[in-house]
Amino acid sequence: MFVLLVPFLGFVWGQWLVASWRARPVRWVMPGAPYLFGFLAFVIVFWIVRNLPFGQFLAP
């Protein structure tokens, strides 16, 4: 799942880099924020379920 998050992290880092280079405040306006929060919720549920007895099939 980290591989799916790498492009987003690169985009955010790029925004921060350009804004700091220009000495301007960073604007954190993300039109896809609901999708990001949904993905984050999915990851948290996945981490919890794979450690429960009935979710053993998700563990490596």
PDB file of N, CA and C in Angstrom:
ATOM      1  N   MET A   1       0.812  -1.183   0.000  1.00  0.00           N
ATOM      2  CA  MET A   1       0.000   0.000   0.000  1.00  0.00           C
ATOM      3  C   MET A   1       0.861   1.255   0.000  1.00  0.00           C
ATOM      4  N   PHE A   2       2.070   1.135   0.489  1.00  0.00           N
ATOM      5  CA  PHE A   2       2.972   2.285   0.483  1.00  0.00           C
ATOM      6  C   PHE A   2       3.261   2.731  -0.947  1.00  0.00           C
ATOM      7  N   VAL A   3       3.337   1.779  -1.860  1.00  0.00           N
ATOM      8  CA  VAL A   3       3.612   2.104  -3.263  1.00  0.00           C
ATOM      9  C   VAL A   3       2.507   2.990  -3.833  1.00  0.00           C
ATOM     10  N   LEU A   4       1.271   2.779  -3.403  1.00  0.00           N
ATOM     11  CA  LEU A   4       0.172   3.614  -3.873  1.00  0.00           C
ATOM     12  C   LEU A   4       0.239   5.020  -3.280  1.00  0.00           C
ATOM     13  N   LEU A   5       0.875   5.168  -2.137  1.00  0.00           N
ATOM     14  CA  LEU A   5       0.949   6.458  -1.470  1.00  0.00           C
ATOM     15  C   LEU A   5       2.151   7.287  -1.917  1.00  0.00           C
ATOM     16  N   VAL A   6       3.144   6.681  -2.538  1.00  0.00           N
ATOM     17  CA  VAL A   6       4.360   7.380  -2.944  1.00  0.00           C
ATOM     18  C   VAL A   6       4.079   8.553  -3.894  1.00  0.00           C
ATOM     19  N   PRO A   7       3.239   8.415  -4.931  1.00  0.00           N
ATOM     20  CA  PRO A   7       2.983   9.576  -5.800  1.00  0.00           C
ATOM     21  C   PRO A   7       2.362  10.752  -5.039  1.00  0.00           C
ATOM     22  N   PHE A   8       1.469  10.491  -4.119  1.00  0.00           N
ATOM     23  CA  PHE A   8       0.874  11.557  -3.330  1.00  0.00           C
ATOM     24  C   PHE A   8       1.935  12.250  -2.477  1.00  0.00           C
ATOM     25  N   LEU A   9       2.780  11.479  -1.827  1.00  0.00           N
ATOM     26  CA  LEU A   9       3.833  12.064  -1.004  1.00  0.00           C
ATOM     27  C   LEU A   9       4.789  12.887  -1.850  1.00  0.00           C
ATOM     28  N   GLY A  10       5.095  12.427  -3.051  1.00  0.00           N
ATOM     29  CA  GLY A  10       5.950  13.188  -3.957  1.00  0.00           C
ATOM     30  C   GLY A  10       5.313  14.502  -4.370  1.00  0.00           C
ATOM     31  N   PHE A  11       4.013  14.491  -4.611  1.00  0.00           N
ATOM     32  CA  PHE A  11       3.298  15.705  -4.985  1.00  0.00           C
ATOM     33  C   PHE A  11       3.308  16.716  -3.846  1.00  0.00           C
ATOM     34  N   VAL A  12       3.019  16.254  -2.624  1.00  0.00           N
ATOM     35  CA  VAL A  12       3.006  17.146  -1.466  1.00  0.00           C
ATOM     36  C   VAL A  12       4.399  17.697  -1.207  1.00  0.00           C
ATOM     37  N   TRP A  13       5.413  16.858  -1.310  1.00  0.00           N
ATOM     38  CA  TRP A  13       6.777  17.320  -1.116  1.00  0.00           C
ATOM     39  C   TRP A  13       7.158  18.340  -2.178  1.00  0.00           C
ATOM     40  N   GLY A  14       6.750  18.118  -3.409  1.00  0.00           N
ATOM     41  CA  GLY A  14       7.022  19.072  -4.486  1.00  0.00           C
ATOM     42  C   GLY A  14       6.362  20.417  -4.240  1.00  0.00           C
ATOM     43  N   GLN A  15       5.112  20.406  -3.763  1.00  0.00           N
ATOM     44  CA  GLN A  15       4.430  21.656  -3.431  1.00  0.00           C
ATOM     45  C   GLN A  15       5.173  22.400  -2.334  1.00  0.00           C
ATOM     46  N   TRP A  16       5.576  21.685  -1.313  1.00  0.00           N
ATOM     47  CA  TRP A  16       6.301  22.308  -0.217  1.00  0.00           C
ATOM     48  C   TRP A  16       7.634  22.875  -0.697  1.00  0.00           C
ATOM     49  N   LEU A  17       8.346  22.132  -1.552  1.00  0.00           N
ATOM     50  CA  LEU A  17       9.647  22.563  -2.047  1.00  0.00           C
ATOM     51  C   LEU A  17       9.531  23.844  -2.861  1.00  0.00           C
ATOM     52  N   VAL A  18       8.573  23.905  -3.778  1.00  0.00           N
ATOM     53  CA  VAL A  18       8.384  25.100  -4.608  1.00  0.00           C
ATOM     54  C   VAL A  18       7.964  26.288  -3.760  1.00  0.00           C
ATOM     55  N   ALA A  19       7.064  26.078  -2.824  1.00  0.00           N
ATOM     56  CA  ALA A  19       6.604  27.173  -1.970  1.00  0.00           C
ATOM     57  C   ALA A  19       7.729  27.696  -1.083  1.00  0.00           C
ATOM     58  N   SER A  20       8.547  26.815  -0.555  1.00  0.00           N
ATOM     59  CA  SER A  20       9.639  27.282   0.301  1.00  0.00           C
ATOM     60  C   SER A  20      10.724  27.961  -0.534  1.00  0.00           C
ATOM     61  N   TRP A  21      10.909  27.531  -1.756  1.00  0.00           N
ATOM     62  CA  TRP A  21      11.893  28.162  -2.636  1.00  0.00           C
ATOM     63  C   TRP A  21      11.467  29.595  -2.950  1.00  0.00           C
ATOM     64  N   ARG A  22      10.160  29.805  -3.135  1.00  0.00           N
ATOM     65  CA  ARG A  22       9.632  31.126  -3.452  1.00  0.00           C
ATOM     66  C   ARG A  22       9.318  31.947  -2.205  1.00  0.00           C
ATOM     67  N   ALA A  23       9.549  31.402  -1.021  1.00  0.00           N
ATOM     68  CA  ALA A  23       9.280  32.063   0.266  1.00  0.00           C
ATOM     69  C   ALA A  23       7.815  32.463   0.386  1.00  0.00           C
ATOM     70  N   ARG A  24       6.941  31.586  -0.023  1.00  0.00           N
ATOM     71  CA  ARG A  24       5.502  31.792   0.098  1.00  0.00           C
ATOM     72  C   ARG A  24       4.930  30.710   1.010  1.00  0.00           C
ATOM     73  N   PRO A  25       3.819  31.003   1.658  1.00  0.00           N
ATOM     74  CA  PRO A  25       3.193  29.949   2.475  1.00  0.00           C
ATOM     75  C   PRO A  25       2.639  28.827   1.599  1.00  0.00           C
ATOM     76  N   VAL A  26       2.650  27.643   2.132  1.00  0.00           N
ATOM     77  CA  VAL A  26       2.169  26.476   1.395  1.00  0.00           C
ATOM     78  C   VAL A  26       0.650  26.443   1.457  1.00  0.00           C
ATOM     79  N   ARG A  27       0.020  26.311   0.298  1.00  0.00           N
ATOM     80  CA  ARG A  27      -1.436  26.148   0.236  1.00  0.00           C
ATOM     81  C   ARG A  27      -1.740  24.662   0.232  1.00  0.00           C
ATOM     82  N   TRP A  28      -2.483  24.195   1.188  1.00  0.00           N
ATOM     83  CA  TRP A  28      -2.791  22.776   1.300  1.00  0.00           C
ATOM     84  C   TRP A  28      -4.210  22.493   0.815  1.00  0.00           C
ATOM     85  N   VAL A  29      -4.520  22.957  -0.377  1.00  0.00           N
ATOM     86  CA  VAL A  29      -5.827  22.706  -0.965  1.00  0.00           C
ATOM     87  C   VAL A  29      -5.695  21.468  -1.846  1.00  0.00           C
ATOM     88  N   MET A  30      -6.406  20.407  -1.444  1.00  0.00           N
ATOM     89  CA  MET A  30      -6.344  19.163  -2.197  1.00  0.00           C
ATOM     90  C   MET A  30      -7.759  18.778  -2.612  1.00  0.00           C
ATOM     91  N   PRO A  31      -8.037  18.791  -3.900  1.00  0.00           N
ATOM     92  CA  PRO A  31      -9.385  18.420  -4.313  1.00  0.00           C
ATOM     93  C   PRO A  31      -9.701  16.956  -4.062  1.00  0.00           C
ATOM     94  N   GLY A  32      -8.700  16.108  -3.942  1.00  0.00           N
ATOM     95  CA  GLY A  32      -8.927  14.682  -3.722  1.00  0.00           C
ATOM     96  C   GLY A  32      -8.840  14.281  -2.265  1.00  0.00           C
ATOM     97  N   ALA A  33      -8.998  15.216  -1.342  1.00  0.00           N
ATOM     98  CA  ALA A  33      -8.861  14.927   0.085  1.00  0.00           C
ATOM     99  C   ALA A  33      -9.819  13.836   0.570  1.00  0.00           C
ATOM    100  N   PRO A  34     -11.094  13.820   0.142  1.00  0.00           N
ATOM    101  CA  PRO A  34     -11.962  12.727   0.611  1.00  0.00           C
ATOM    102  C   PRO A  34     -11.447  11.349   0.201  1.00  0.00           C
ATOM    103  N   TYR A  35     -10.845  11.234  -0.979  1.00  0.00           N
ATOM    104  CA  TYR A  35     -10.285   9.954  -1.405  1.00  0.00           C
ATOM    105  C   TYR A  35      -9.083   9.580  -0.552  1.00  0.00           C
ATOM    106  N   LEU A  36      -8.282  10.569  -0.199  1.00  0.00           N
ATOM    107  CA  LEU A  36      -7.126  10.305   0.647  1.00  0.00           C
ATOM    108  C   LEU A  36      -7.560   9.831   2.026  1.00  0.00           C
ATOM    109  N   PHE A  37      -8.560  10.483   2.612  1.00  0.00           N
ATOM    110  CA  PHE A  37      -9.045  10.065   3.923  1.00  0.00           C
ATOM    111  C   PHE A  37      -9.701   8.692   3.856  1.00  0.00           C
ATOM    112  N   GLY A  38     -10.369   8.394   2.777  1.00  0.00           N
ATOM    113  CA  GLY A  38     -10.938   7.062   2.596  1.00  0.00           C
ATOM    114  C   GLY A  38      -9.856   6.000   2.513  1.00  0.00           C
ATOM    115  N   PHE A  39      -8.793   6.297   1.779  1.00  0.00           N
ATOM    116  CA  PHE A  39      -7.675   5.371   1.669  1.00  0.00           C
ATOM    117  C   PHE A  39      -7.004   5.184   3.022  1.00  0.00           C
ATOM    118  N   LEU A  40      -6.848   6.261   3.764  1.00  0.00           N
ATOM    119  CA  LEU A  40      -6.250   6.173   5.094  1.00  0.00           C
ATOM    120  C   LEU A  40      -7.108   5.321   6.026  1.00  0.00           C
ATOM    121  N   ALA A  41      -8.418   5.499   5.970  1.00  0.00           N
ATOM    122  CA  ALA A  41      -9.321   4.680   6.783  1.00  0.00           C
ATOM    123  C   ALA A  41      -9.204   3.206   6.391  1.00  0.00           C
ATOM    124  N   PHE A  42      -9.103   2.919   5.088  1.00  0.00           N
ATOM    125  CA  PHE A  42      -8.940   1.544   4.617  1.00  0.00           C
ATOM    126  C   PHE A  42      -7.659   0.927   5.167  1.00  0.00           C
ATOM    127  N   VAL A  43      -6.568   1.685   5.147  1.00  0.00           N
ATOM    128  CA  VAL A  43      -5.286   1.171   5.642  1.00  0.00           C
ATOM    129  C   VAL A  43      -5.368   0.877   7.135  1.00  0.00           C
ATOM    130  N   ILE A  44      -5.987   1.762   7.902  1.00  0.00           N
ATOM    131  CA  ILE A  44      -6.100   1.542   9.343  1.00  0.00           C
ATOM    132  C   ILE A  44      -6.942   0.307   9.646  1.00  0.00           C
ATOM    133  N   VAL A  45      -8.057   0.149   8.944  1.00  0.00           N
ATOM    134  CA  VAL A  45      -8.910  -1.031   9.147  1.00  0.00           C
ATOM    135  C   VAL A  45      -8.157  -2.296   8.743  1.00  0.00           C
ATOM    136  N   PHE A  46      -7.407  -2.234   7.649  1.00  0.00           N
ATOM    137  CA  PHE A  46      -6.616  -3.383   7.200  1.00  0.00           C
ATOM    138  C   PHE A  46      -5.604  -3.786   8.267  1.00  0.00           C
ATOM    139  N   TRP A  47      -4.883  -2.801   8.839  1.00  0.00           N
ATOM    140  CA  TRP A  47      -3.888  -3.101   9.862  1.00  0.00           C
ATOM    141  C   TRP A  47      -4.528  -3.737  11.090  1.00  0.00           C
ATOM    142  N   ILE A  48      -5.694  -3.271  11.464  1.00  0.00           N
ATOM    143  CA  ILE A  48      -6.359  -3.824  12.649  1.00  0.00           C
ATOM    144  C   ILE A  48      -6.873  -5.232  12.371  1.00  0.00           C
ATOM    145  N   VAL A  49      -7.561  -5.422  11.241  1.00  0.00           N
ATOM    146  CA  VAL A  49      -8.177  -6.718  10.934  1.00  0.00           C
ATOM    147  C   VAL A  49      -7.129  -7.800  10.738  1.00  0.00           C
ATOM    148  N   ARG A  50      -5.999  -7.487  10.127  1.00  0.00           N
ATOM    149  CA  ARG A  50      -5.010  -8.537   9.878  1.00  0.00           C
ATOM    150  C   ARG A  50      -4.368  -9.050  11.156  1.00  0.00           C
ATOM    151  N   ASN A  51      -4.505  -8.310  12.257  1.00  0.00           N
ATOM    152  CA  ASN A  51      -3.952  -8.750  13.538  1.00  0.00           C
ATOM    153  C   ASN A  51      -4.979  -9.420  14.434  1.00  0.00           C
ATOM    154  N   LEU A  52      -6.207  -9.523  13.979  1.00  0.00           N
ATOM    155  CA  LEU A  52      -7.242 -10.224  14.732  1.00  0.00           C
ATOM    156  C   LEU A  52      -7.284 -11.689  14.297  1.00  0.00           C
ATOM    157  N   PRO A  53      -7.805 -12.587  15.140  1.00  0.00           N
ATOM    158  CA  PRO A  53      -7.801 -14.015  14.809  1.00  0.00           C
ATOM    159  C   PRO A  53      -8.527 -14.347  13.499  1.00  0.00           C
ATOM    160  N   PHE A  54      -9.634 -13.670  13.197  1.00  0.00           N
ATOM    161  CA  PHE A  54     -10.366 -14.015  11.967  1.00  0.00           C
ATOM    162  C   PHE A  54      -9.752 -13.389  10.722  1.00  0.00           C
ATOM    163  N   GLY A  55      -8.745 -12.526  10.862  1.00  0.00           N
ATOM    164  CA  GLY A  55      -8.114 -11.896   9.710  1.00  0.00           C
ATOM    165  C   GLY A  55      -6.747 -12.447   9.394  1.00  0.00           C
ATOM    166  N   GLN A  56      -6.455 -13.654   9.835  1.00  0.00           N
ATOM    167  CA  GLN A  56      -5.135 -14.242   9.619  1.00  0.00           C
ATOM    168  C   GLN A  56      -4.814 -14.466   8.158  1.00  0.00           C
ATOM    169  N   PHE A  57      -5.841 -14.580   7.326  1.00  0.00           N
ATOM    170  CA  PHE A  57      -5.569 -14.812   5.910  1.00  0.00           C
ATOM    171  C   PHE A  57      -4.962 -13.570   5.241  1.00  0.00           C
ATOM    172  N   LEU A  58      -5.027 -12.407   5.887  1.00  0.00           N
ATOM    173  CA  LEU A  58      -4.435 -11.192   5.341  1.00  0.00           C
ATOM    174  C   LEU A  58      -2.971 -11.046   5.702  1.00  0.00           C
ATOM    175  N   ALA A  59      -2.518 -11.731   6.734  1.00  0.00           N
ATOM    176  CA  ALA A  59      -1.135 -11.629   7.187  1.00  0.00           C
ATOM    177  C   ALA A  59      -0.227 -12.409   6.250  1.00  0.00           C
ATOM    178  N   PRO A  60       1.012 -11.941   6.081  1.00  0.00           N
ATOM    179  CA  PRO A  60       1.941 -12.686   5.192  1.00  0.00           C
ATOM    180  C   PRO A  60       2.398 -13.992   5.776  1.00  0.00           C
TER     181      PRO A  60
END
